[in-house]
Amino acid sequence: MTYRLPERSLRNRIGSSTPASRLAVSVALHIVGGGMVTAGAAAELVGNGGLPETYIAYATGCYAMLAVLMLLHLGGHAPHAHFGTANRITLARGMIASLLGGAVPVVSALNPATLWVASTAALLALVLDGVDGWVARRTHMASTYGQHLDINFDTVMMGILALLAWQSGKAGPWVLAIGLARYAFVVAGWIWPRLDAELPFSQRRRVICVV
């Protein structure tokens, strides 16, 4: 004999779930969806871009690292219970970073066509960096979680671009300093707490950073 939970009771249980639990589910679903899209795009680049099959593993490995970052500071997204459009844009940037990061170990296999694709993707990610924050403010979904996610993804993206520039022979090892700049700033903030203070919003500062 099977026991079926009354429909009304089931709706009550779902409706009584906390915003934190709904947010965790929403983030998990976005992580899985983003991983599937990243793996599919990597497979497409292998099939049509001439990249070795190991590229898929490298790209998905990079995405796994970014997925861990997506689980940090979840409490800072309160009282929002959903991932939100702005964070989806940030996730799109993370997927682009993963695809670029997967190219670092196989940079010698990049042909002129794939190099143009990589450059265009990097430019798109940088442009989107100025979009997610604007969308968050317009949709009243701004949060410290989104802020940390944005900064963490920016740091990873800059590190990957620096590695690609070095590995492809376009710049010397000095270019890695660009990718390490954020970490150096964090360490400096431990020494001089003034550097760790909150800054007022400045569009001019954001534009300078992107450039």
N, C-alpha and C. Protein backbone atom coordinates (compact mmCIF):
# COMPACT_ATOMS: atom_id res chain seq x y z
N MET A 1 0.85 -1.20 0.00
CA MET A 1 0.00 0.00 0.00
C MET A 1 0.88 1.24 0.00
N THR A 2 0.67 2.13 -0.91
CA THR A 2 1.46 3.36 -0.98
C THR A 2 0.68 4.51 -0.40
N TYR A 3 1.43 5.40 0.24
CA TYR A 3 0.80 6.57 0.86
C TYR A 3 1.15 7.79 0.02
N ARG A 4 0.17 8.52 -0.41
CA ARG A 4 0.39 9.73 -1.21
C ARG A 4 0.14 10.95 -0.35
N LEU A 5 1.13 11.84 -0.39
CA LEU A 5 1.01 13.09 0.35
C LEU A 5 -0.08 13.96 -0.27
N PRO A 6 -1.03 14.43 0.51
CA PRO A 6 -2.09 15.29 -0.04
C PRO A 6 -1.50 16.44 -0.83
N GLU A 7 -2.15 16.78 -1.93
CA GLU A 7 -1.63 17.84 -2.82
C GLU A 7 -1.46 19.16 -2.08
N ARG A 8 -2.44 19.51 -1.25
CA ARG A 8 -2.35 20.78 -0.52
C ARG A 8 -1.16 20.78 0.42
N SER A 9 -0.93 19.63 1.10
CA SER A 9 0.20 19.53 2.01
C SER A 9 1.52 19.66 1.25
N LEU A 10 1.58 19.07 0.06
CA LEU A 10 2.79 19.16 -0.74
C LEU A 10 3.07 20.60 -1.14
N ARG A 11 2.01 21.32 -1.55
CA ARG A 11 2.19 22.73 -1.92
C ARG A 11 2.65 23.54 -0.72
N ASN A 12 2.12 23.22 0.45
CA ASN A 12 2.52 23.95 1.65
C ASN A 12 3.98 23.72 1.97
N ARG A 13 4.42 22.47 1.80
CA ARG A 13 5.82 22.17 2.09
C ARG A 13 6.76 22.91 1.14
N ILE A 14 6.39 22.93 -0.13
CA ILE A 14 7.22 23.64 -1.11
C ILE A 14 7.21 25.14 -0.83
N GLY A 15 6.02 25.64 -0.52
CA GLY A 15 5.91 27.07 -0.28
C GLY A 15 6.60 27.51 0.99
N SER A 16 6.76 26.57 1.95
CA SER A 16 7.37 26.93 3.22
C SER A 16 8.89 26.83 3.20
N SER A 17 9.48 26.41 2.08
CA SER A 17 10.93 26.34 2.00
C SER A 17 11.52 27.73 2.15
N THR A 18 12.69 27.81 2.76
CA THR A 18 13.30 29.09 3.06
C THR A 18 13.92 29.70 1.81
N PRO A 19 14.07 31.04 1.80
CA PRO A 19 14.74 31.68 0.66
C PRO A 19 16.14 31.12 0.43
N ALA A 20 16.85 30.78 1.53
CA ALA A 20 18.20 30.25 1.39
C ALA A 20 18.20 28.91 0.66
N SER A 21 17.23 28.04 0.98
CA SER A 21 17.17 26.74 0.31
C SER A 21 16.77 26.89 -1.15
N ARG A 22 15.85 27.82 -1.44
CA ARG A 22 15.46 28.04 -2.84
C ARG A 22 16.62 28.62 -3.63
N LEU A 23 17.41 29.49 -3.00
CA LEU A 23 18.57 30.05 -3.67
C LEU A 23 19.60 28.96 -3.96
N ALA A 24 19.82 28.07 -3.00
CA ALA A 24 20.78 26.99 -3.20
C ALA A 24 20.38 26.11 -4.38
N VAL A 25 19.08 25.81 -4.48
CA VAL A 25 18.59 25.02 -5.61
C VAL A 25 18.78 25.78 -6.92
N SER A 26 18.46 27.08 -6.90
CA SER A 26 18.59 27.89 -8.11
C SER A 26 20.05 27.94 -8.57
N VAL A 27 20.97 28.13 -7.63
CA VAL A 27 22.40 28.19 -7.98
C VAL A 27 22.85 26.84 -8.53
N ALA A 28 22.42 25.75 -7.89
CA ALA A 28 22.81 24.41 -8.33
C ALA A 28 22.34 24.15 -9.76
N LEU A 29 21.11 24.54 -10.06
CA LEU A 29 20.58 24.34 -11.41
C LEU A 29 21.37 25.15 -12.43
N HIS A 30 21.74 26.37 -12.07
CA HIS A 30 22.53 27.20 -13.00
C HIS A 30 23.93 26.63 -13.19
N ILE A 31 24.51 26.07 -12.12
CA ILE A 31 25.83 25.45 -12.25
C ILE A 31 25.77 24.28 -13.22
N VAL A 32 24.76 23.43 -13.07
CA VAL A 32 24.62 22.27 -13.95
C VAL A 32 24.36 22.72 -15.39
N GLY A 33 23.46 23.68 -15.57
CA GLY A 33 23.16 24.17 -16.91
C GLY A 33 24.37 24.81 -17.56
N GLY A 34 25.09 25.62 -16.81
CA GLY A 34 26.29 26.24 -17.35
C GLY A 34 27.35 25.22 -17.72
N GLY A 35 27.46 24.17 -16.92
CA GLY A 35 28.43 23.12 -17.22
C GLY A 35 28.09 22.39 -18.51
N MET A 36 26.81 22.14 -18.72
CA MET A 36 26.38 21.46 -19.94
C MET A 36 26.65 22.31 -21.17
N VAL A 37 26.37 23.62 -21.07
CA VAL A 37 26.62 24.51 -22.20
C VAL A 37 28.12 24.61 -22.48
N THR A 38 28.92 24.71 -21.42
CA THR A 38 30.37 24.81 -21.58
C THR A 38 30.93 23.56 -22.25
N ALA A 39 30.50 22.39 -21.76
CA ALA A 39 30.98 21.14 -22.36
C ALA A 39 30.55 21.03 -23.82
N GLY A 40 29.31 21.43 -24.11
CA GLY A 40 28.83 21.39 -25.49
C GLY A 40 29.61 22.31 -26.40
N ALA A 41 29.91 23.53 -25.91
CA ALA A 41 30.68 24.48 -26.72
C ALA A 41 32.10 23.97 -26.94
N ALA A 42 32.68 23.36 -25.90
CA ALA A 42 34.03 22.81 -26.03
C ALA A 42 34.06 21.69 -27.06
N ALA A 43 33.03 20.83 -27.03
CA ALA A 43 32.96 19.75 -28.02
C ALA A 43 32.81 20.29 -29.43
N GLU A 44 32.07 21.39 -29.57
CA GLU A 44 31.90 22.02 -30.88
C GLU A 44 33.24 22.56 -31.39
N LEU A 45 34.02 23.15 -30.49
CA LEU A 45 35.32 23.69 -30.89
C LEU A 45 36.29 22.57 -31.26
N VAL A 46 36.14 21.42 -30.62
CA VAL A 46 36.97 20.28 -30.99
C VAL A 46 36.58 19.76 -32.36
N GLY A 47 35.27 19.68 -32.61
CA GLY A 47 34.81 19.13 -33.88
C GLY A 47 35.04 20.04 -35.05
N ASN A 48 34.87 21.35 -34.84
CA ASN A 48 34.96 22.29 -35.97
C ASN A 48 36.14 23.26 -35.88
N GLY A 49 36.80 23.29 -34.73
CA GLY A 49 37.91 24.24 -34.57
C GLY A 49 39.28 23.62 -34.60
N GLY A 50 39.33 22.30 -34.75
CA GLY A 50 40.62 21.63 -34.87
C GLY A 50 41.36 21.46 -33.56
N LEU A 51 40.69 21.64 -32.42
CA LEU A 51 41.36 21.48 -31.14
C LEU A 51 41.38 20.01 -30.74
N PRO A 52 42.40 19.58 -29.97
CA PRO A 52 42.46 18.17 -29.54
C PRO A 52 41.33 17.85 -28.57
N GLU A 53 40.99 16.58 -28.46
CA GLU A 53 39.88 16.16 -27.61
C GLU A 53 40.12 16.46 -26.14
N THR A 54 41.39 16.55 -25.75
CA THR A 54 41.70 16.87 -24.34
C THR A 54 41.21 18.26 -23.96
N TYR A 55 40.95 19.10 -24.96
CA TYR A 55 40.47 20.46 -24.68
C TYR A 55 39.16 20.42 -23.90
N ILE A 56 38.30 19.45 -24.18
CA ILE A 56 37.02 19.37 -23.48
C ILE A 56 37.25 19.19 -21.97
N ALA A 57 38.18 18.31 -21.62
CA ALA A 57 38.48 18.08 -20.20
C ALA A 57 39.07 19.33 -19.56
N TYR A 58 39.95 20.03 -20.28
CA TYR A 58 40.55 21.24 -19.73
C TYR A 58 39.49 22.32 -19.49
N ALA A 59 38.60 22.51 -20.46
CA ALA A 59 37.58 23.55 -20.35
C ALA A 59 36.61 23.25 -19.21
N THR A 60 36.16 21.98 -19.13
CA THR A 60 35.24 21.62 -18.06
C THR A 60 35.93 21.66 -16.70
N GLY A 61 37.23 21.40 -16.68
CA GLY A 61 37.98 21.53 -15.42
C GLY A 61 38.02 22.97 -14.94
N CYS A 62 38.23 23.89 -15.87
CA CYS A 62 38.18 25.32 -15.52
C CYS A 62 36.80 25.71 -15.01
N TYR A 63 35.78 25.17 -15.66
CA TYR A 63 34.42 25.49 -15.23
C TYR A 63 34.15 24.95 -13.83
N ALA A 64 34.67 23.78 -13.52
CA ALA A 64 34.49 23.21 -12.18
C ALA A 64 35.07 24.14 -11.11
N MET A 65 36.21 24.75 -11.42
CA MET A 65 36.81 25.69 -10.48
C MET A 65 35.89 26.90 -10.28
N LEU A 66 35.31 27.41 -11.37
CA LEU A 66 34.41 28.54 -11.27
C LEU A 66 33.12 28.16 -10.55
N ALA A 67 32.70 26.90 -10.70
CA ALA A 67 31.49 26.44 -10.01
C ALA A 67 31.69 26.50 -8.50
N VAL A 68 32.90 26.20 -8.04
CA VAL A 68 33.19 26.31 -6.60
C VAL A 68 33.06 27.76 -6.15
N LEU A 69 33.54 28.69 -6.96
CA LEU A 69 33.43 30.11 -6.62
C LEU A 69 31.97 30.54 -6.54
N MET A 70 31.11 29.92 -7.34
CA MET A 70 29.68 30.27 -7.33
C MET A 70 29.00 29.86 -6.03
N LEU A 71 29.62 28.95 -5.28
CA LEU A 71 29.02 28.50 -4.03
C LEU A 71 29.47 29.32 -2.83
N LEU A 72 30.41 30.23 -3.06
CA LEU A 72 30.91 31.07 -1.96
C LEU A 72 30.01 32.29 -1.77
N HIS A 73 29.91 32.74 -0.54
CA HIS A 73 29.19 33.98 -0.18
C HIS A 73 27.71 33.93 -0.54
N LEU A 74 27.10 32.74 -0.56
CA LEU A 74 25.69 32.64 -0.90
C LEU A 74 24.81 33.45 0.06
N GLY A 75 25.24 33.50 1.33
CA GLY A 75 24.46 34.24 2.31
C GLY A 75 24.36 35.72 1.98
N GLY A 76 25.29 36.22 1.18
CA GLY A 76 25.29 37.63 0.82
C GLY A 76 24.27 37.97 -0.23
N HIS A 77 23.53 36.96 -0.73
CA HIS A 77 22.51 37.23 -1.76
C HIS A 77 21.13 37.46 -1.13
N ALA A 78 21.05 37.34 0.17
CA ALA A 78 19.78 37.56 0.87
C ALA A 78 19.32 39.01 0.66
N PRO A 79 18.01 39.24 0.60
CA PRO A 79 16.91 38.29 0.78
C PRO A 79 16.46 37.61 -0.51
N HIS A 80 17.25 37.72 -1.58
CA HIS A 80 16.84 37.15 -2.87
C HIS A 80 16.89 35.62 -2.81
N ALA A 81 15.90 35.00 -3.41
CA ALA A 81 15.81 33.54 -3.40
C ALA A 81 16.11 32.93 -4.75
N HIS A 82 16.45 33.75 -5.74
CA HIS A 82 16.73 33.26 -7.08
C HIS A 82 18.06 33.83 -7.58
N PHE A 83 18.65 33.13 -8.53
CA PHE A 83 19.97 33.49 -9.04
C PHE A 83 19.96 34.88 -9.67
N GLY A 84 18.97 35.17 -10.49
CA GLY A 84 18.82 36.50 -11.06
C GLY A 84 19.49 36.67 -12.41
N THR A 85 18.95 37.60 -13.20
CA THR A 85 19.46 37.84 -14.56
C THR A 85 20.89 38.35 -14.54
N ALA A 86 21.20 39.25 -13.62
CA ALA A 86 22.55 39.81 -13.58
C ALA A 86 23.59 38.72 -13.34
N ASN A 87 23.30 37.81 -12.41
CA ASN A 87 24.24 36.72 -12.14
C ASN A 87 24.32 35.74 -13.30
N ARG A 88 23.24 35.64 -14.08
CA ARG A 88 23.31 34.80 -15.29
C ARG A 88 24.30 35.39 -16.29
N ILE A 89 24.32 36.72 -16.38
CA ILE A 89 25.29 37.37 -17.27
C ILE A 89 26.70 37.11 -16.77
N THR A 90 26.90 37.20 -15.45
CA THR A 90 28.21 36.89 -14.88
C THR A 90 28.58 35.44 -15.15
N LEU A 91 27.60 34.55 -15.06
CA LEU A 91 27.85 33.13 -15.35
C LEU A 91 28.27 32.95 -16.81
N ALA A 92 27.64 33.69 -17.71
CA ALA A 92 28.03 33.61 -19.12
C ALA A 92 29.49 34.01 -19.29
N ARG A 93 29.91 35.04 -18.57
CA ARG A 93 31.32 35.43 -18.60
C ARG A 93 32.21 34.32 -18.06
N GLY A 94 31.71 33.63 -17.02
CA GLY A 94 32.48 32.52 -16.47
C GLY A 94 32.62 31.37 -17.45
N MET A 95 31.58 31.11 -18.21
CA MET A 95 31.65 30.05 -19.22
C MET A 95 32.65 30.41 -20.31
N ILE A 96 32.66 31.69 -20.71
CA ILE A 96 33.64 32.14 -21.70
C ILE A 96 35.06 31.98 -21.13
N ALA A 97 35.23 32.35 -19.85
CA ALA A 97 36.54 32.21 -19.21
C ALA A 97 36.97 30.74 -19.19
N SER A 98 36.02 29.84 -18.95
CA SER A 98 36.34 28.41 -18.93
C SER A 98 36.81 27.92 -20.29
N LEU A 99 36.13 28.37 -21.34
CA LEU A 99 36.51 27.97 -22.70
C LEU A 99 37.89 28.52 -23.06
N LEU A 100 38.16 29.74 -22.62
CA LEU A 100 39.49 30.31 -22.87
C LEU A 100 40.55 29.61 -22.03
N GLY A 101 40.19 29.31 -20.78
CA GLY A 101 41.14 28.63 -19.90
C GLY A 101 41.50 27.25 -20.41
N GLY A 102 40.54 26.57 -21.01
CA GLY A 102 40.82 25.25 -21.56
C GLY A 102 41.81 25.29 -22.72
N ALA A 103 41.95 26.47 -23.33
CA ALA A 103 42.86 26.61 -24.47
C ALA A 103 44.31 26.81 -24.03
N VAL A 104 44.54 27.13 -22.75
CA VAL A 104 45.92 27.40 -22.30
C VAL A 104 46.83 26.19 -22.50
N PRO A 105 46.45 24.97 -22.10
CA PRO A 105 47.36 23.83 -22.29
C PRO A 105 47.52 23.42 -23.76
N VAL A 106 46.60 23.84 -24.63
CA VAL A 106 46.67 23.43 -26.04
C VAL A 106 46.84 24.64 -26.94
N VAL A 107 47.48 25.68 -26.43
CA VAL A 107 47.57 26.94 -27.17
C VAL A 107 48.29 26.75 -28.51
N SER A 108 49.19 25.77 -28.58
CA SER A 108 49.92 25.54 -29.83
C SER A 108 49.01 25.00 -30.93
N ALA A 109 47.83 24.47 -30.53
CA ALA A 109 46.90 23.92 -31.52
C ALA A 109 45.94 24.97 -32.07
N LEU A 110 46.02 26.19 -31.54
CA LEU A 110 45.11 27.23 -32.00
C LEU A 110 45.55 27.72 -33.38
N ASN A 111 44.62 27.71 -34.32
CA ASN A 111 44.90 28.24 -35.65
C ASN A 111 44.39 29.67 -35.74
N PRO A 112 44.69 30.40 -36.80
CA PRO A 112 44.23 31.80 -36.88
C PRO A 112 42.74 31.97 -36.67
N ALA A 113 41.92 31.04 -37.16
CA ALA A 113 40.47 31.15 -37.00
C ALA A 113 40.07 31.05 -35.53
N THR A 114 40.64 30.05 -34.82
CA THR A 114 40.29 29.88 -33.41
C THR A 114 40.85 31.01 -32.56
N LEU A 115 41.97 31.58 -32.99
CA LEU A 115 42.51 32.73 -32.27
C LEU A 115 41.56 33.92 -32.36
N TRP A 116 40.97 34.12 -33.53
CA TRP A 116 39.99 35.19 -33.69
C TRP A 116 38.75 34.92 -32.84
N VAL A 117 38.33 33.67 -32.79
CA VAL A 117 37.18 33.32 -31.95
C VAL A 117 37.50 33.60 -30.49
N ALA A 118 38.70 33.22 -30.06
CA ALA A 118 39.09 33.45 -28.67
C ALA A 118 39.15 34.94 -28.35
N SER A 119 39.70 35.73 -29.28
CA SER A 119 39.80 37.17 -29.06
C SER A 119 38.42 37.81 -28.98
N THR A 120 37.52 37.38 -29.86
CA THR A 120 36.16 37.92 -29.86
C THR A 120 35.43 37.54 -28.58
N ALA A 121 35.62 36.30 -28.13
CA ALA A 121 34.98 35.85 -26.90
C ALA A 121 35.49 36.64 -25.70
N ALA A 122 36.80 36.89 -25.67
CA ALA A 122 37.37 37.67 -24.56
C ALA A 122 36.82 39.09 -24.56
N LEU A 123 36.70 39.68 -25.74
CA LEU A 123 36.15 41.03 -25.83
C LEU A 123 34.70 41.05 -25.36
N LEU A 124 33.92 40.04 -25.74
CA LEU A 124 32.53 39.95 -25.31
C LEU A 124 32.44 39.85 -23.79
N ALA A 125 33.32 39.03 -23.20
CA ALA A 125 33.31 38.88 -21.75
C ALA A 125 33.63 40.20 -21.05
N LEU A 126 34.56 40.96 -21.60
CA LEU A 126 34.92 42.25 -21.01
C LEU A 126 33.78 43.25 -21.14
N VAL A 127 33.08 43.22 -22.27
CA VAL A 127 31.94 44.11 -22.45
C VAL A 127 30.83 43.76 -21.45
N LEU A 128 30.58 42.47 -21.28
CA LEU A 128 29.53 42.03 -20.36
C LEU A 128 29.87 42.38 -18.92
N ASP A 129 31.15 42.62 -18.63
CA ASP A 129 31.55 43.00 -17.28
C ASP A 129 30.87 44.30 -16.86
N GLY A 130 30.56 45.15 -17.81
CA GLY A 130 29.88 46.40 -17.48
C GLY A 130 28.37 46.31 -17.53
N VAL A 131 27.86 45.12 -17.89
CA VAL A 131 26.42 44.94 -18.06
C VAL A 131 25.78 44.33 -16.82
N ASP A 132 26.44 43.32 -16.22
CA ASP A 132 25.80 42.59 -15.13
C ASP A 132 25.49 43.48 -13.93
N GLY A 133 26.42 44.38 -13.58
CA GLY A 133 26.16 45.28 -12.45
C GLY A 133 25.00 46.22 -12.74
N TRP A 134 24.95 46.73 -13.97
CA TRP A 134 23.86 47.64 -14.36
C TRP A 134 22.52 46.92 -14.28
N VAL A 135 22.49 45.66 -14.77
CA VAL A 135 21.24 44.89 -14.72
C VAL A 135 20.84 44.62 -13.27
N ALA A 136 21.82 44.32 -12.42
CA ALA A 136 21.51 44.05 -11.01
C ALA A 136 20.87 45.26 -10.35
N ARG A 137 21.38 46.45 -10.66
CA ARG A 137 20.80 47.65 -10.05
C ARG A 137 19.43 47.95 -10.65
N ARG A 138 19.25 47.73 -11.93
CA ARG A 138 17.97 48.01 -12.58
C ARG A 138 16.87 47.06 -12.11
N THR A 139 17.26 45.83 -11.81
CA THR A 139 16.28 44.83 -11.39
C THR A 139 16.20 44.70 -9.87
N HIS A 140 16.91 45.59 -9.16
CA HIS A 140 16.93 45.58 -7.69
C HIS A 140 17.40 44.23 -7.14
N MET A 141 18.40 43.64 -7.81
CA MET A 141 18.94 42.35 -7.39
C MET A 141 20.41 42.46 -6.98
N ALA A 142 20.89 43.68 -6.76
CA ALA A 142 22.29 43.86 -6.37
C ALA A 142 22.51 43.22 -4.99
N SER A 143 23.65 42.55 -4.84
CA SER A 143 23.96 41.90 -3.57
C SER A 143 25.46 41.74 -3.45
N THR A 144 25.90 41.48 -2.21
CA THR A 144 27.33 41.24 -2.00
C THR A 144 27.76 39.93 -2.66
N TYR A 145 26.83 38.97 -2.77
CA TYR A 145 27.14 37.72 -3.47
C TYR A 145 27.48 38.00 -4.93
N GLY A 146 26.63 38.77 -5.59
CA GLY A 146 26.89 39.12 -6.98
C GLY A 146 28.18 39.90 -7.14
N GLN A 147 28.46 40.78 -6.18
CA GLN A 147 29.69 41.56 -6.23
C GLN A 147 30.91 40.66 -6.13
N HIS A 148 30.89 39.72 -5.18
CA HIS A 148 32.02 38.80 -5.03
C HIS A 148 32.15 37.90 -6.26
N LEU A 149 31.02 37.45 -6.78
CA LEU A 149 31.06 36.59 -7.96
C LEU A 149 31.68 37.33 -9.14
N ASP A 150 31.30 38.58 -9.31
CA ASP A 150 31.83 39.41 -10.39
C ASP A 150 33.34 39.59 -10.25
N ILE A 151 33.79 39.92 -9.05
CA ILE A 151 35.21 40.15 -8.82
C ILE A 151 36.01 38.86 -9.01
N ASN A 152 35.50 37.75 -8.48
CA ASN A 152 36.21 36.48 -8.60
C ASN A 152 36.33 36.04 -10.07
N PHE A 153 35.25 36.21 -10.83
CA PHE A 153 35.30 35.83 -12.23
C PHE A 153 36.22 36.76 -13.01
N ASP A 154 36.22 38.05 -12.66
CA ASP A 154 37.15 39.00 -13.30
C ASP A 154 38.59 38.56 -13.08
N THR A 155 38.89 38.18 -11.84
CA THR A 155 40.26 37.78 -11.49
C THR A 155 40.69 36.56 -12.29
N VAL A 156 39.80 35.57 -12.38
CA VAL A 156 40.11 34.36 -13.14
C VAL A 156 40.29 34.70 -14.62
N MET A 157 39.41 35.53 -15.17
CA MET A 157 39.50 35.90 -16.58
C MET A 157 40.83 36.59 -16.88
N MET A 158 41.23 37.54 -16.05
CA MET A 158 42.48 38.26 -16.29
C MET A 158 43.68 37.32 -16.21
N GLY A 159 43.63 36.37 -15.27
CA GLY A 159 44.71 35.40 -15.17
C GLY A 159 44.81 34.53 -16.40
N ILE A 160 43.66 34.10 -16.91
CA ILE A 160 43.64 33.25 -18.11
C ILE A 160 44.15 34.01 -19.32
N LEU A 161 43.69 35.26 -19.49
CA LEU A 161 44.15 36.05 -20.64
C LEU A 161 45.65 36.29 -20.57
N ALA A 162 46.16 36.52 -19.36
CA ALA A 162 47.60 36.73 -19.19
C ALA A 162 48.36 35.45 -19.56
N LEU A 163 47.85 34.30 -19.12
CA LEU A 163 48.49 33.03 -19.45
C LEU A 163 48.49 32.78 -20.95
N LEU A 164 47.36 33.07 -21.61
CA LEU A 164 47.28 32.88 -23.06
C LEU A 164 48.27 33.78 -23.79
N ALA A 165 48.39 35.03 -23.35
CA ALA A 165 49.33 35.96 -23.99
C ALA A 165 50.76 35.47 -23.84
N TRP A 166 51.08 34.91 -22.67
CA TRP A 166 52.43 34.41 -22.42
C TRP A 166 52.70 33.12 -23.19
N GLN A 167 51.76 32.15 -23.08
CA GLN A 167 51.96 30.85 -23.72
C GLN A 167 51.99 30.94 -25.24
N SER A 168 51.27 31.91 -25.80
CA SER A 168 51.26 32.05 -27.25
C SER A 168 52.44 32.86 -27.77
N GLY A 169 53.29 33.34 -26.88
CA GLY A 169 54.47 34.09 -27.29
C GLY A 169 54.19 35.55 -27.62
N LYS A 170 53.00 36.04 -27.28
CA LYS A 170 52.67 37.43 -27.58
C LYS A 170 53.25 38.40 -26.55
N ALA A 171 53.63 37.89 -25.38
CA ALA A 171 54.20 38.73 -24.33
C ALA A 171 55.10 37.87 -23.45
N GLY A 172 55.98 38.52 -22.72
CA GLY A 172 56.89 37.81 -21.83
C GLY A 172 56.23 37.44 -20.53
N PRO A 173 56.98 36.80 -19.63
CA PRO A 173 56.41 36.38 -18.33
C PRO A 173 55.88 37.54 -17.51
N TRP A 174 56.33 38.77 -17.81
CA TRP A 174 55.89 39.93 -17.04
C TRP A 174 54.38 40.10 -17.12
N VAL A 175 53.75 39.60 -18.20
CA VAL A 175 52.31 39.80 -18.37
C VAL A 175 51.51 39.07 -17.29
N LEU A 176 52.12 38.06 -16.66
CA LEU A 176 51.43 37.33 -15.60
C LEU A 176 51.14 38.22 -14.40
N ALA A 177 51.90 39.32 -14.29
CA ALA A 177 51.66 40.25 -13.18
C ALA A 177 50.25 40.84 -13.25
N ILE A 178 49.70 40.96 -14.48
CA ILE A 178 48.34 41.49 -14.63
C ILE A 178 47.35 40.53 -13.98
N GLY A 179 47.55 39.22 -14.23
CA GLY A 179 46.66 38.23 -13.65
C GLY A 179 46.79 38.11 -12.14
N LEU A 180 47.96 38.48 -11.61
CA LEU A 180 48.19 38.37 -10.17
C LEU A 180 47.87 39.67 -9.43
N ALA A 181 47.50 40.72 -10.17
CA ALA A 181 47.30 42.04 -9.54
C ALA A 181 46.22 42.00 -8.46
N ARG A 182 45.11 41.31 -8.73
CA ARG A 182 44.02 41.26 -7.74
C ARG A 182 44.48 40.61 -6.45
N TYR A 183 45.22 39.49 -6.57
CA TYR A 183 45.69 38.80 -5.38
C TYR A 183 46.68 39.67 -4.60
N ALA A 184 47.52 40.40 -5.31
CA ALA A 184 48.46 41.31 -4.65
C ALA A 184 47.71 42.40 -3.89
N PHE A 185 46.61 42.87 -4.49
CA PHE A 185 45.81 43.92 -3.84
C PHE A 185 45.14 43.38 -2.57
N VAL A 186 44.66 42.13 -2.62
CA VAL A 186 44.05 41.53 -1.43
C VAL A 186 45.06 41.40 -0.31
N VAL A 187 46.27 40.94 -0.63
CA VAL A 187 47.32 40.82 0.39
C VAL A 187 47.67 42.19 0.94
N ALA A 188 47.75 43.20 0.07
CA ALA A 188 48.04 44.55 0.54
C ALA A 188 46.95 45.05 1.49
N GLY A 189 45.69 44.63 1.23
CA GLY A 189 44.60 45.01 2.11
C GLY A 189 44.73 44.43 3.50
N TRP A 190 45.38 43.26 3.61
CA TRP A 190 45.62 42.69 4.94
C TRP A 190 46.64 43.53 5.71
N ILE A 191 47.58 44.11 4.96
CA ILE A 191 48.63 44.90 5.61
C ILE A 191 48.13 46.32 5.89
N TRP A 192 47.45 46.90 4.90
CA TRP A 192 46.90 48.26 5.05
C TRP A 192 45.38 48.18 4.92
N PRO A 193 44.67 48.08 6.04
CA PRO A 193 43.20 47.89 6.01
C PRO A 193 42.45 48.95 5.21
N ARG A 194 43.02 50.13 5.05
CA ARG A 194 42.34 51.18 4.28
C ARG A 194 42.05 50.71 2.85
N LEU A 195 42.92 49.87 2.31
CA LEU A 195 42.73 49.38 0.94
C LEU A 195 41.56 48.41 0.84
N ASP A 196 41.13 47.88 1.98
CA ASP A 196 40.04 46.90 1.99
C ASP A 196 38.68 47.54 2.26
N ALA A 197 38.65 48.86 2.35
CA ALA A 197 37.40 49.56 2.64
C ALA A 197 36.50 49.60 1.42
N GLU A 198 35.20 49.75 1.66
CA GLU A 198 34.24 49.84 0.57
C GLU A 198 34.42 51.15 -0.20
N LEU A 199 34.24 51.07 -1.52
CA LEU A 199 34.36 52.26 -2.37
C LEU A 199 32.99 52.64 -2.91
N PRO A 200 32.71 53.91 -3.04
CA PRO A 200 31.45 54.32 -3.68
C PRO A 200 31.46 53.94 -5.15
N PHE A 201 30.28 53.76 -5.73
CA PHE A 201 30.20 53.38 -7.14
C PHE A 201 30.79 54.47 -8.02
N SER A 202 31.55 54.06 -9.02
CA SER A 202 32.15 55.00 -9.96
C SER A 202 32.21 54.34 -11.34
N GLN A 203 31.41 54.84 -12.27
CA GLN A 203 31.44 54.29 -13.63
C GLN A 203 32.78 54.58 -14.30
N ARG A 204 33.37 55.74 -13.99
CA ARG A 204 34.67 56.08 -14.57
C ARG A 204 35.72 55.05 -14.14
N ARG A 205 35.70 54.66 -12.87
CA ARG A 205 36.67 53.67 -12.38
C ARG A 205 36.47 52.33 -13.08
N ARG A 206 35.21 51.95 -13.31
CA ARG A 206 34.92 50.69 -13.99
C ARG A 206 35.44 50.70 -15.43
N VAL A 207 35.24 51.83 -16.13
CA VAL A 207 35.69 51.94 -17.51
C VAL A 207 37.22 51.85 -17.58
N ILE A 208 37.89 52.54 -16.65
CA ILE A 208 39.35 52.50 -16.62
C ILE A 208 39.84 51.08 -16.39
N CYS A 209 39.18 50.37 -15.49
CA CYS A 209 39.56 48.99 -15.19
C CYS A 209 39.44 48.09 -16.41
N VAL A 210 38.35 48.20 -17.12
CA VAL A 210 38.13 47.36 -18.32
C VAL A 210 39.15 47.68 -19.39
N VAL A 211 39.40 48.96 -19.62
CA VAL A 211 40.39 49.36 -20.63
C VAL A 211 41.77 48.85 -20.28
